């Protein structure tokens, strides 16, 4: 599986029937964060080791929702 393949996310979600249960991001790459967030299923776990620059423009609001 090539994460640079344009169909990577679609293929992973299809093979895993809706997404993976857990994913690990071991990089500070914005693309890695986008892919990781895209392949986990609802209720899945995301382990983050690398840190993305605050200037990356990446929004993690879906990963860390705030409820009022």
PDB file of N, CA and C in Angstrom:
ATOM      1  N   UNK A   1       0.846  -1.169   0.000  1.00  0.00           N
ATOM      2  CA  UNK A   1       0.000   0.000   0.000  1.00  0.00           C
ATOM      3  C   UNK A   1       0.897   1.239   0.000  1.00  0.00           C
ATOM      4  N   UNK A   2       0.690   2.106  -0.971  1.00  0.00           N
ATOM      5  CA  UNK A   2       1.495   3.319  -1.109  1.00  0.00           C
ATOM      6  C   UNK A   2       0.696   4.521  -0.611  1.00  0.00           C
ATOM      7  N   UNK A   3       1.105   5.146   0.506  1.00  0.00           N
ATOM      8  CA  UNK A   3       0.353   6.294   1.026  1.00  0.00           C
ATOM      9  C   UNK A   3       0.366   7.496   0.090  1.00  0.00           C
ATOM     10  N   UNK A   4       1.229   7.488  -0.924  1.00  0.00           N
ATOM     11  CA  UNK A   4       1.250   8.586  -1.898  1.00  0.00           C
ATOM     12  C   UNK A   4       0.260   8.354  -3.044  1.00  0.00           C
ATOM     13  N   UNK A   5      -0.302   7.156  -3.115  1.00  0.00           N
ATOM     14  CA  UNK A   5      -1.308   6.837  -4.133  1.00  0.00           C
ATOM     15  C   UNK A   5      -2.545   7.703  -3.893  1.00  0.00           C
ATOM     16  N   UNK A   6      -3.070   8.364  -4.922  1.00  0.00           N
ATOM     17  CA  UNK A   6      -4.250   9.221  -4.740  1.00  0.00           C
ATOM     18  C   UNK A   6      -5.477   8.477  -4.213  1.00  0.00           C
ATOM     19  N   UNK A   7      -5.531   7.159  -4.396  1.00  0.00           N
ATOM     20  CA  UNK A   7      -6.669   6.359  -3.927  1.00  0.00           C
ATOM     21  C   UNK A   7      -6.400   5.670  -2.596  1.00  0.00           C
ATOM     22  N   UNK A   8      -5.329   6.039  -1.925  1.00  0.00           N
ATOM     23  CA  UNK A   8      -4.918   5.394  -0.673  1.00  0.00           C
ATOM     24  C   UNK A   8      -6.040   5.388   0.369  1.00  0.00           C
ATOM     25  N   UNK A   9      -6.596   6.551   0.672  1.00  0.00           N
ATOM     26  CA  UNK A   9      -7.623   6.651   1.715  1.00  0.00           C
ATOM     27  C   UNK A   9      -8.855   5.840   1.335  1.00  0.00           C
ATOM     28  N   UNK A  10      -9.306   5.962   0.099  1.00  0.00           N
ATOM     29  CA  UNK A  10     -10.480   5.215  -0.361  1.00  0.00           C
ATOM     30  C   UNK A  10     -10.249   3.716  -0.231  1.00  0.00           C
ATOM     31  N   UNK A  11      -9.079   3.253  -0.643  1.00  0.00           N
ATOM     32  CA  UNK A  11      -8.773   1.822  -0.582  1.00  0.00           C
ATOM     33  C   UNK A  11      -8.718   1.324   0.865  1.00  0.00           C
ATOM     34  N   UNK A  12      -8.049   2.061   1.742  1.00  0.00           N
ATOM     35  CA  UNK A  12      -7.947   1.661   3.156  1.00  0.00           C
ATOM     36  C   UNK A  12      -9.331   1.586   3.790  1.00  0.00           C
ATOM     37  N   UNK A  13     -10.172   2.596   3.553  1.00  0.00           N
ATOM     38  CA  UNK A  13     -11.513   2.611   4.138  1.00  0.00           C
ATOM     39  C   UNK A  13     -12.366   1.459   3.599  1.00  0.00           C
ATOM     40  N   UNK A  14     -12.202   1.126   2.308  1.00  0.00           N
ATOM     41  CA  UNK A  14     -12.963   0.029   1.710  1.00  0.00           C
ATOM     42  C   UNK A  14     -12.513  -1.318   2.272  1.00  0.00           C
ATOM     43  N   UNK A  15     -11.211  -1.554   2.291  1.00  0.00           N
ATOM     44  CA  UNK A  15     -10.664  -2.825   2.781  1.00  0.00           C
ATOM     45  C   UNK A  15     -11.023  -3.046   4.253  1.00  0.00           C
ATOM     46  N   UNK A  16     -11.080  -1.974   5.024  1.00  0.00           N
ATOM     47  CA  UNK A  16     -11.353  -2.079   6.458  1.00  0.00           C
ATOM     48  C   UNK A  16     -12.805  -1.769   6.808  1.00  0.00           C
ATOM     49  N   UNK A  17     -13.665  -1.791   5.816  1.00  0.00           N
ATOM     50  CA  UNK A  17     -15.109  -1.603   6.002  1.00  0.00           C
ATOM     51  C   UNK A  17     -15.451  -0.359   6.820  1.00  0.00           C
ATOM     52  N   UNK A  18     -14.958   0.784   6.368  1.00  0.00           N
ATOM     53  CA  UNK A  18     -15.313   2.040   7.024  1.00  0.00           C
ATOM     54  C   UNK A  18     -14.155   2.737   7.697  1.00  0.00           C
ATOM     55  N   UNK A  19     -13.010   2.126   7.726  1.00  0.00           N
ATOM     56  CA  UNK A  19     -11.836   2.751   8.337  1.00  0.00           C
ATOM     57  C   UNK A  19     -11.183   1.840   9.350  1.00  0.00           C
ATOM     58  N   UNK A  20      -9.971   2.187   9.707  1.00  0.00           N
ATOM     59  CA  UNK A  20      -9.212   1.372  10.657  1.00  0.00           C
ATOM     60  C   UNK A  20      -9.609   1.709  12.095  1.00  0.00           C
ATOM     61  N   UNK A  21      -9.391   0.773  12.983  1.00  0.00           N
ATOM     62  CA  UNK A  21      -9.687   0.994  14.402  1.00  0.00           C
ATOM     63  C   UNK A  21      -8.660   1.902  15.051  1.00  0.00           C
ATOM     64  N   UNK A  22      -7.421   1.866  14.558  1.00  0.00           N
ATOM     65  CA  UNK A  22      -6.355   2.687  15.138  1.00  0.00           C
ATOM     66  C   UNK A  22      -5.319   3.016  14.072  1.00  0.00           C
ATOM     67  N   UNK A  23      -4.730   4.198  14.212  1.00  0.00           N
ATOM     68  CA  UNK A  23      -3.655   4.626  13.312  1.00  0.00           C
ATOM     69  C   UNK A  23      -2.608   5.351  14.142  1.00  0.00           C
ATOM     70  N   UNK A  24      -1.363   5.271  13.707  1.00  0.00           N
ATOM     71  CA  UNK A  24      -0.267   5.962  14.388  1.00  0.00           C
ATOM     72  C   UNK A  24       0.383   6.934  13.414  1.00  0.00           C
ATOM     73  N   UNK A  25       0.551   8.169  13.854  1.00  0.00           N
ATOM     74  CA  UNK A  25       1.262   9.170  13.067  1.00  0.00           C
ATOM     75  C   UNK A  25       2.595   9.393  13.756  1.00  0.00           C
ATOM     76  N   UNK A  26       3.662   9.031  13.067  1.00  0.00           N
ATOM     77  CA  UNK A  26       5.000   9.116  13.644  1.00  0.00           C
ATOM     78  C   UNK A  26       5.823  10.158  12.903  1.00  0.00           C
ATOM     79  N   UNK A  27       5.179  11.239  12.527  1.00  0.00           N
ATOM     80  CA  UNK A  27       5.814  12.248  11.687  1.00  0.00           C
ATOM     81  C   UNK A  27       5.211  13.611  11.982  1.00  0.00           C
ATOM     82  N   UNK A  28       5.930  14.640  11.641  1.00  0.00           N
ATOM     83  CA  UNK A  28       5.411  15.995  11.756  1.00  0.00           C
ATOM     84  C   UNK A  28       4.828  16.476  10.440  1.00  0.00           C
ATOM     85  N   UNK A  29       4.614  15.569   9.511  1.00  0.00           N
ATOM     86  CA  UNK A  29       4.112  15.897   8.181  1.00  0.00           C
ATOM     87  C   UNK A  29       2.615  16.180   8.202  1.00  0.00           C
ATOM     88  N   UNK A  30       2.216  17.290   7.596  1.00  0.00           N
ATOM     89  CA  UNK A  30       0.795  17.630   7.498  1.00  0.00           C
ATOM     90  C   UNK A  30       0.057  16.551   6.720  1.00  0.00           C
ATOM     91  N   UNK A  31       0.657  16.044   5.647  1.00  0.00           N
ATOM     92  CA  UNK A  31       0.033  14.992   4.839  1.00  0.00           C
ATOM     93  C   UNK A  31      -0.216  13.737   5.674  1.00  0.00           C
ATOM     94  N   UNK A  32       0.702  13.401   6.568  1.00  0.00           N
ATOM     95  CA  UNK A  32       0.519  12.235   7.438  1.00  0.00           C
ATOM     96  C   UNK A  32      -0.682  12.437   8.357  1.00  0.00           C
ATOM     97  N   UNK A  33      -0.842  13.641   8.903  1.00  0.00           N
ATOM     98  CA  UNK A  33      -1.993  13.930   9.762  1.00  0.00           C
ATOM     99  C   UNK A  33      -3.289  13.829   8.973  1.00  0.00           C
ATOM    100  N   UNK A  34      -3.306  14.406   7.779  1.00  0.00           N
ATOM    101  CA  UNK A  34      -4.513  14.364   6.954  1.00  0.00           C
ATOM    102  C   UNK A  34      -4.894  12.927   6.619  1.00  0.00           C
ATOM    103  N   UNK A  35      -3.913  12.120   6.243  1.00  0.00           N
ATOM    104  CA  UNK A  35      -4.183  10.716   5.917  1.00  0.00           C
ATOM    105  C   UNK A  35      -4.649   9.949   7.146  1.00  0.00           C
ATOM    106  N   UNK A  36      -3.966  10.148   8.268  1.00  0.00           N
ATOM    107  CA  UNK A  36      -4.329   9.448   9.498  1.00  0.00           C
ATOM    108  C   UNK A  36      -5.744   9.756   9.942  1.00  0.00           C
ATOM    109  N   UNK A  37      -6.119  11.017   9.895  1.00  0.00           N
ATOM    110  CA  UNK A  37      -7.475  11.407  10.283  1.00  0.00           C
ATOM    111  C   UNK A  37      -8.508  10.875   9.297  1.00  0.00           C
ATOM    112  N   UNK A  38      -8.120  10.705   8.048  1.00  0.00           N
ATOM    113  CA  UNK A  38      -9.051  10.251   7.011  1.00  0.00           C
ATOM    114  C   UNK A  38      -9.289   8.749   7.020  1.00  0.00           C
ATOM    115  N   UNK A  39      -8.347   7.971   7.542  1.00  0.00           N
ATOM    116  CA  UNK A  39      -8.500   6.512   7.460  1.00  0.00           C
ATOM    117  C   UNK A  39      -9.087   5.880   8.716  1.00  0.00           C
ATOM    118  N   UNK A  40      -9.158   6.620   9.831  1.00  0.00           N
ATOM    119  CA  UNK A  40      -9.732   6.011  11.034  1.00  0.00           C
ATOM    120  C   UNK A  40     -11.257   6.046  10.964  1.00  0.00           C
ATOM    121  N   UNK A  41     -11.865   5.018  11.524  1.00  0.00           N
ATOM    122  CA  UNK A  41     -13.324   4.944  11.559  1.00  0.00           C
ATOM    123  C   UNK A  41     -13.857   5.803  12.698  1.00  0.00           C
ATOM    124  N   UNK A  42     -15.133   6.066  12.717  1.00  0.00           N
ATOM    125  CA  UNK A  42     -15.757   6.800  13.814  1.00  0.00           C
ATOM    126  C   UNK A  42     -15.509   6.011  15.095  1.00  0.00           C
ATOM    127  N   UNK A  43     -14.999   6.672  16.109  1.00  0.00           N
ATOM    128  CA  UNK A  43     -14.664   6.021  17.368  1.00  0.00           C
ATOM    129  C   UNK A  43     -13.277   5.405  17.374  1.00  0.00           C
ATOM    130  N   UNK A  44     -12.547   5.522  16.255  1.00  0.00           N
ATOM    131  CA  UNK A  44     -11.197   4.972  16.161  1.00  0.00           C
ATOM    132  C   UNK A  44     -10.204   5.784  16.981  1.00  0.00           C
ATOM    133  N   UNK A  45      -9.041   5.219  17.187  1.00  0.00           N
ATOM    134  CA  UNK A  45      -7.985   5.858  17.986  1.00  0.00           C
ATOM    135  C   UNK A  45      -6.871   6.357  17.076  1.00  0.00           C
ATOM    136  N   UNK A  46      -6.346   7.528  17.396  1.00  0.00           N
ATOM    137  CA  UNK A  46      -5.242   8.103  16.646  1.00  0.00           C
ATOM    138  C   UNK A  46      -4.108   8.393  17.611  1.00  0.00           C
ATOM    139  N   UNK A  47      -2.962   7.727  17.408  1.00  0.00           N
ATOM    140  CA  UNK A  47      -1.787   7.965  18.241  1.00  0.00           C
ATOM    141  C   UNK A  47      -0.871   8.926  17.495  1.00  0.00           C
ATOM    142  N   UNK A  48      -0.498  10.017  18.158  1.00  0.00           N
ATOM    143  CA  UNK A  48       0.320  11.045  17.530  1.00  0.00           C
ATOM    144  C   UNK A  48       1.655  11.148  18.249  1.00  0.00           C
ATOM    145  N   UNK A  49       2.758  11.025  17.497  1.00  0.00           N
ATOM    146  CA  UNK A  49       4.091  11.169  18.065  1.00  0.00           C
ATOM    147  C   UNK A  49       4.759  12.427  17.524  1.00  0.00           C
ATOM    148  N   UNK A  50       4.637  12.690  16.226  1.00  0.00           N
ATOM    149  CA  UNK A  50       5.218  13.893  15.627  1.00  0.00           C
ATOM    150  C   UNK A  50       4.338  15.100  15.882  1.00  0.00           C
ATOM    151  N   UNK A  51       4.929  16.273  15.865  1.00  0.00           N
ATOM    152  CA  UNK A  51       4.178  17.504  16.106  1.00  0.00           C
ATOM    153  C   UNK A  51       4.202  18.346  14.837  1.00  0.00           C
ATOM    154  N   UNK A  52       3.029  18.833  14.447  1.00  0.00           N
ATOM    155  CA  UNK A  52       2.910  19.684  13.266  1.00  0.00           C
ATOM    156  C   UNK A  52       3.063  21.139  13.679  1.00  0.00           C
ATOM    157  N   UNK A  53       3.714  21.917  12.842  1.00  0.00           N
ATOM    158  CA  UNK A  53       3.871  23.350  13.086  1.00  0.00           C
ATOM    159  C   UNK A  53       2.507  24.016  13.214  1.00  0.00           C
ATOM    160  N   UNK A  54       2.398  24.987  14.102  1.00  0.00           N
ATOM    161  CA  UNK A  54       1.131  25.710  14.267  1.00  0.00           C
ATOM    162  C   UNK A  54       0.802  26.528  13.030  1.00  0.00           C
ATOM    163  N   UNK A  55       1.779  26.749  12.166  1.00  0.00           N
ATOM    164  CA  UNK A  55       1.559  27.511  10.939  1.00  0.00           C
ATOM    165  C   UNK A  55       1.159  26.618   9.764  1.00  0.00           C
ATOM    166  N   UNK A  56       0.921  25.349  10.016  1.00  0.00           N
ATOM    167  CA  UNK A  56       0.606  24.414   8.939  1.00  0.00           C
ATOM    168  C   UNK A  56      -0.785  24.618   8.371  1.00  0.00           C
ATOM    169  N   UNK A  57      -1.684  25.210   9.150  1.00  0.00           N
ATOM    170  CA  UNK A  57      -3.060  25.378   8.708  1.00  0.00           C
ATOM    171  C   UNK A  57      -3.906  24.148   8.933  1.00  0.00           C
ATOM    172  N   UNK A  58      -3.342  23.107   9.530  1.00  0.00           N
ATOM    173  CA  UNK A  58      -4.071  21.870   9.789  1.00  0.00           C
ATOM    174  C   UNK A  58      -5.036  22.081  10.941  1.00  0.00           C
ATOM    175  N   UNK A  59      -6.290  21.710  10.732  1.00  0.00           N
ATOM    176  CA  UNK A  59      -7.298  21.843  11.777  1.00  0.00           C
ATOM    177  C   UNK A  59      -7.585  20.479  12.389  1.00  0.00           C
ATOM    178  N   UNK A  60      -7.438  20.375  13.688  1.00  0.00           N
ATOM    179  CA  UNK A  60      -7.734  19.123  14.387  1.00  0.00           C
ATOM    180  C   UNK A  60      -9.063  19.208  15.137  1.00  0.00           C
ATOM    181  N   UNK A  61      -9.920  20.147  14.757  1.00  0.00           N
ATOM    182  CA  UNK A  61     -11.194  20.337  15.448  1.00  0.00           C
ATOM    183  C   UNK A  61     -12.058  19.083  15.420  1.00  0.00           C
ATOM    184  N   UNK A  62     -12.035  18.337  14.317  1.00  0.00           N
ATOM    185  CA  UNK A  62     -12.822  17.111  14.246  1.00  0.00           C
ATOM    186  C   UNK A  62     -12.277  16.035  15.172  1.00  0.00           C
ATOM    187  N   UNK A  63     -10.976  16.047  15.380  1.00  0.00           N
ATOM    188  CA  UNK A  63     -10.351  15.042  16.243  1.00  0.00           C
ATOM    189  C   UNK A  63     -10.553  15.363  17.717  1.00  0.00           C
ATOM    190  N   UNK A  64     -10.649  16.646  18.043  1.00  0.00           N
ATOM    191  CA  UNK A  64     -10.780  17.078  19.433  1.00  0.00           C
ATOM    192  C   UNK A  64     -11.965  18.032  19.575  1.00  0.00           C
ATOM    193  N   UNK A  65     -13.188  17.513  19.426  1.00  0.00           N
ATOM    194  CA  UNK A  65     -14.353  18.398  19.473  1.00  0.00           C
ATOM    195  C   UNK A  65     -14.591  18.968  20.869  1.00  0.00           C
ATOM    196  N   UNK A  66     -15.206  20.130  20.889  1.00  0.00           N
ATOM    197  CA  UNK A  66     -15.595  20.772  22.143  1.00  0.00           C
ATOM    198  C   UNK A  66     -17.115  20.784  22.195  1.00  0.00           C
ATOM    199  N   UNK A  67     -17.662  20.330  23.288  1.00  0.00           N
ATOM    200  CA  UNK A  67     -19.113  20.300  23.447  1.00  0.00           C
ATOM    201  C   UNK A  67     -19.521  21.312  24.499  1.00  0.00           C
ATOM    202  N   UNK A  68     -20.646  21.967  24.256  1.00  0.00           N
ATOM    203  CA  UNK A  68     -21.125  22.935  25.255  1.00  0.00           C
ATOM    204  C   UNK A  68     -22.512  22.569  25.734  1.00  0.00           C
TER     205      UNK A  68
END
